[in-house]
Amino acid sequence: PAMAHWNTAQLAQCLLPLIDADRDVALPLAQASVDRFDALFRDRWAARLGAKLGFDGAHVEGSDEADVRLTLGQRLLGLLEAGDADFTLGFRALRDRDAFDRCFADASARERQDWWDDRAAALDAAGIAVGAARDNAAAANPVIIPRNHQVERMIEAARIGDLEPLHALQRVLADPWTDPWTDGGDRDRQAYAAAPAPDERVERTFCGT
């Protein structure tokens, strides 16, 4: 957020001549817009993160519910990191408690239970039924994303003239929502949905890739 805020301020600086020919007039107008960034970001982040947790995705600017969603989201991110769990599959697994637990190689069962119970209580307080929360989370969390190791494999193949990995990735990304394990069992799609093995992890990426 801090980097995005800074970028917004630099953009506003560039736009000053278009806002008003008089810098003394343009500057406070631009500053007023830039000053709205933090609240707007927090509102959109709470809405987006809330949708991934199973809430309805509505904007909750300035409300206690925004704090609840952000706190739950940050706690989950901490659990996923501490448990060496895949973030994409971890969020996707919110539809089912057993699937959620299977995502973790190592994390406190007590902490997971506490988080799950707190999320259930927050969803109930927001008037969101279990089935609706499951549907909301499924709609906000794709099971297939362009993972770094798959993109790296595609680039390496393209360098020697083999475009099939590119086309294969395009095909599976055309439908990122269908679960390849539970919706018919598609082995080809499972390879793209799975987290990278330790030796497949790409830990350095560059602009443009």
Protein backbone atom coordinates (compact mmCIF):
# COMPACT_ATOMS: atom_id res chain seq x y z
CA PRO A 1 0.00 0.00 0.00
CA ALA A 2 2.78 2.45 0.82
CA MET A 3 4.40 1.90 -2.57
CA ALA A 4 1.09 2.32 -4.38
CA HIS A 5 0.38 5.48 -2.39
CA TRP A 6 3.79 6.88 -3.37
CA ASN A 7 3.17 5.98 -7.04
CA THR A 8 -0.19 7.74 -6.91
CA ALA A 9 1.46 10.86 -5.51
CA GLN A 10 4.03 10.85 -8.34
CA LEU A 11 1.27 10.47 -10.92
CA ALA A 12 -0.59 13.40 -9.36
CA GLN A 13 2.61 15.44 -9.59
CA CYS A 14 2.78 14.74 -13.33
CA LEU A 15 -0.86 15.71 -13.81
CA LEU A 16 -0.61 19.09 -12.08
CA PRO A 17 -0.45 21.09 -15.36
CA LEU A 18 -3.61 19.34 -16.55
CA ILE A 19 -5.48 20.05 -13.31
CA ASP A 20 -4.82 23.79 -13.43
CA ALA A 21 -2.29 26.04 -15.09
CA ASP A 22 -1.72 27.69 -11.73
CA ARG A 23 0.36 25.31 -9.61
CA ASP A 24 -0.89 26.91 -6.40
CA VAL A 25 -4.42 25.96 -7.43
CA ALA A 26 -3.57 22.51 -8.81
CA LEU A 27 -1.46 21.31 -5.89
CA PRO A 28 -4.10 21.34 -3.11
CA LEU A 29 -6.64 19.74 -5.46
CA ALA A 30 -4.23 16.94 -6.30
CA GLN A 31 -3.22 16.53 -2.66
CA ALA A 32 -6.84 16.17 -1.61
CA SER A 33 -7.27 13.30 -4.05
CA VAL A 34 -4.03 11.60 -3.01
CA ASP A 35 -5.02 11.91 0.65
CA ARG A 36 -8.03 9.68 -0.06
CA PHE A 37 -5.80 6.78 -1.09
CA ASP A 38 -5.36 5.08 2.28
CA ALA A 39 -9.09 4.93 3.07
CA LEU A 40 -9.99 3.82 -0.46
CA PHE A 41 -7.31 1.13 -0.49
CA ARG A 42 -8.40 -0.16 2.89
CA ASP A 43 -12.02 -0.34 1.76
CA ARG A 44 -11.21 -2.19 -1.47
CA TRP A 45 -8.74 -4.51 0.28
CA ALA A 46 -11.30 -5.37 2.96
CA ALA A 47 -13.93 -6.06 0.29
CA ARG A 48 -11.61 -8.19 -1.85
CA LEU A 49 -10.07 -10.09 1.03
CA GLY A 50 -13.52 -10.51 2.56
CA ALA A 51 -14.83 -12.06 -0.67
CA LYS A 52 -11.95 -14.55 -0.65
CA LEU A 53 -12.89 -15.49 2.93
CA GLY A 54 -16.52 -16.10 1.98
CA PHE A 55 -18.12 -12.72 2.71
CA ASP A 56 -20.30 -11.03 0.09
CA GLY A 57 -17.61 -8.71 -1.29
CA ALA A 58 -19.55 -5.55 -0.51
CA HIS A 59 -17.60 -2.42 0.36
CA VAL A 60 -17.56 -1.81 4.10
CA GLU A 61 -15.72 1.50 4.21
CA GLY A 62 -15.10 2.84 7.70
CA SER A 63 -17.03 0.09 9.46
CA ASP A 64 -16.11 -2.38 12.17
CA GLU A 65 -16.82 -5.15 9.68
CA ALA A 66 -13.89 -3.96 7.56
CA ASP A 67 -11.64 -4.41 10.59
CA VAL A 68 -13.02 -7.93 11.13
CA ARG A 69 -12.36 -8.96 7.53
CA LEU A 70 -8.88 -7.47 7.44
CA THR A 71 -7.94 -9.06 10.75
CA LEU A 72 -9.23 -12.47 9.68
CA GLY A 73 -7.45 -12.16 6.35
CA GLN A 74 -4.13 -11.19 7.89
CA ARG A 75 -4.39 -14.02 10.42
CA LEU A 76 -5.05 -16.50 7.62
CA LEU A 77 -2.08 -15.25 5.60
CA GLY A 78 0.06 -15.71 8.70
CA LEU A 79 -1.22 -19.25 9.21
CA LEU A 80 -0.58 -20.14 5.57
CA GLU A 81 2.95 -18.79 5.74
CA ALA A 82 3.74 -20.46 9.07
CA GLY A 83 2.34 -23.76 7.83
CA ASP A 84 4.22 -23.63 4.51
CA ALA A 85 0.84 -23.85 2.80
CA ASP A 86 0.15 -22.83 -0.78
CA PHE A 87 -1.80 -19.56 -0.73
CA THR A 88 -3.93 -20.29 -3.81
CA LEU A 89 -4.94 -23.77 -2.66
CA GLY A 90 -5.30 -22.57 0.93
CA PHE A 91 -7.89 -19.96 0.01
CA ARG A 92 -9.61 -22.37 -2.37
CA ALA A 93 -9.89 -24.93 0.45
CA LEU A 94 -12.04 -22.60 2.57
CA ARG A 95 -15.05 -24.41 1.16
CA ASP A 96 -14.25 -27.47 3.26
CA ARG A 97 -12.62 -27.83 6.68
CA ASP A 98 -10.88 -31.11 5.91
CA ALA A 99 -9.47 -29.74 2.67
CA PHE A 100 -8.30 -26.67 4.57
CA ASP A 101 -6.40 -28.75 7.13
CA ARG A 102 -4.76 -30.83 4.39
CA CYS A 103 -3.15 -27.67 2.98
CA PHE A 104 -0.85 -27.34 5.97
CA ALA A 105 2.44 -29.16 6.23
CA ASP A 106 2.98 -27.73 9.68
CA ALA A 107 0.88 -25.32 11.70
CA SER A 108 -0.82 -25.31 15.05
CA ALA A 109 -4.09 -27.24 14.92
CA ARG A 110 -5.33 -25.07 17.79
CA GLU A 111 -4.60 -21.87 15.87
CA ARG A 112 -6.32 -23.23 12.78
CA GLN A 113 -9.36 -24.21 14.84
CA ASP A 114 -9.49 -20.81 16.53
CA TRP A 115 -9.29 -19.04 13.17
CA TRP A 116 -11.94 -21.26 11.62
CA ASP A 117 -14.28 -20.65 14.56
CA ASP A 118 -13.70 -16.88 14.47
CA ARG A 119 -14.42 -16.81 10.74
CA ALA A 120 -17.61 -18.81 11.25
CA ALA A 121 -18.72 -16.38 13.96
CA ALA A 122 -17.96 -13.36 11.75
CA LEU A 123 -19.86 -14.86 8.82
CA ASP A 124 -22.81 -15.58 11.09
CA ALA A 125 -22.75 -12.01 12.45
CA ALA A 126 -22.79 -10.73 8.87
CA GLY A 127 -25.84 -12.89 8.10
CA ILE A 128 -24.01 -15.15 5.65
CA ALA A 129 -25.03 -18.80 5.73
CA VAL A 130 -22.48 -21.61 5.44
CA GLY A 131 -23.56 -22.51 1.90
CA ALA A 132 -23.44 -18.90 0.74
CA ALA A 133 -19.98 -18.44 2.28
CA ARG A 134 -18.78 -21.55 0.45
CA ASP A 135 -20.13 -20.21 -2.85
CA ASN A 136 -18.68 -16.74 -2.26
CA ALA A 137 -15.23 -18.16 -1.53
CA ALA A 138 -15.36 -20.49 -4.54
CA ALA A 139 -16.27 -17.55 -6.81
CA ALA A 140 -13.40 -15.41 -5.50
CA ASN A 141 -10.64 -18.02 -5.37
CA PRO A 142 -9.51 -19.64 -8.64
CA VAL A 143 -7.95 -23.07 -8.41
CA ILE A 144 -5.64 -22.52 -11.39
CA ILE A 145 -3.38 -19.49 -11.75
CA PRO A 146 -0.34 -18.81 -13.97
CA ARG A 147 2.20 -20.16 -11.50
CA ASN A 148 5.79 -18.99 -11.81
CA HIS A 149 7.22 -22.44 -12.51
CA GLN A 150 4.68 -23.09 -15.27
CA VAL A 151 5.36 -19.70 -16.83
CA GLU A 152 9.11 -20.34 -16.61
CA ARG A 153 8.66 -23.69 -18.34
CA MET A 154 6.59 -22.02 -21.05
CA ILE A 155 9.24 -19.34 -21.65
CA GLU A 156 12.07 -21.86 -21.83
CA ALA A 157 10.15 -23.93 -24.38
CA ALA A 158 9.26 -20.85 -26.45
CA ARG A 159 12.95 -19.92 -26.65
CA ILE A 160 13.58 -23.08 -28.66
CA GLY A 161 10.47 -22.65 -30.78
CA ASP A 162 8.09 -24.92 -28.87
CA LEU A 163 4.84 -23.04 -28.27
CA GLU A 164 2.77 -26.00 -27.05
CA PRO A 165 3.38 -25.22 -23.32
CA LEU A 166 2.08 -21.70 -24.01
CA HIS A 167 -1.04 -23.01 -25.70
CA ALA A 168 -1.59 -25.60 -22.96
CA LEU A 169 -1.36 -22.91 -20.27
CA GLN A 170 -3.77 -20.71 -22.20
CA ARG A 171 -6.25 -23.58 -22.41
CA VAL A 172 -6.30 -24.30 -18.68
CA LEU A 173 -6.39 -20.60 -17.74
CA ALA A 174 -9.53 -20.19 -19.86
CA ASP A 175 -11.34 -21.98 -17.01
CA PRO A 176 -9.55 -21.29 -13.73
CA TRP A 177 -12.52 -22.16 -11.52
CA THR A 178 -13.29 -25.81 -12.27
CA ASP A 179 -11.65 -27.99 -9.64
CA PRO A 180 -9.70 -30.73 -11.44
CA TRP A 181 -9.80 -33.04 -8.41
CA THR A 182 -13.49 -32.98 -7.55
CA ASP A 183 -15.21 -32.00 -10.81
CA GLY A 184 -14.58 -35.01 -13.00
CA GLY A 185 -10.89 -35.59 -12.24
CA ASP A 186 -8.79 -34.03 -15.00
CA ARG A 187 -5.15 -35.14 -14.65
CA ASP A 188 -3.82 -32.59 -17.14
CA ARG A 189 -5.44 -29.72 -15.24
CA GLN A 190 -4.29 -31.13 -11.90
CA ALA A 191 -0.68 -30.54 -12.92
CA TYR A 192 -1.43 -26.85 -13.43
CA ALA A 193 -3.44 -26.53 -10.22
CA ALA A 194 -0.87 -28.21 -7.99
CA ALA A 195 1.65 -26.22 -6.00
CA PRO A 196 5.24 -26.44 -7.25
CA ALA A 197 7.53 -29.06 -5.79
CA PRO A 198 10.44 -27.63 -3.78
CA ASP A 199 12.80 -27.99 -6.74
CA GLU A 200 10.30 -26.25 -9.06
CA ARG A 201 9.89 -23.07 -7.04
CA VAL A 202 10.85 -19.89 -8.87
CA GLU A 203 11.94 -17.46 -6.20
CA ARG A 204 13.18 -14.67 -8.47
CA THR A 205 11.04 -13.05 -11.15
CA PHE A 206 11.54 -9.96 -13.28
CA CYS A 207 9.38 -7.20 -14.74
CA GLY A 208 7.85 -8.45 -17.98
CA THR A 209 7.59 -12.09 -16.92
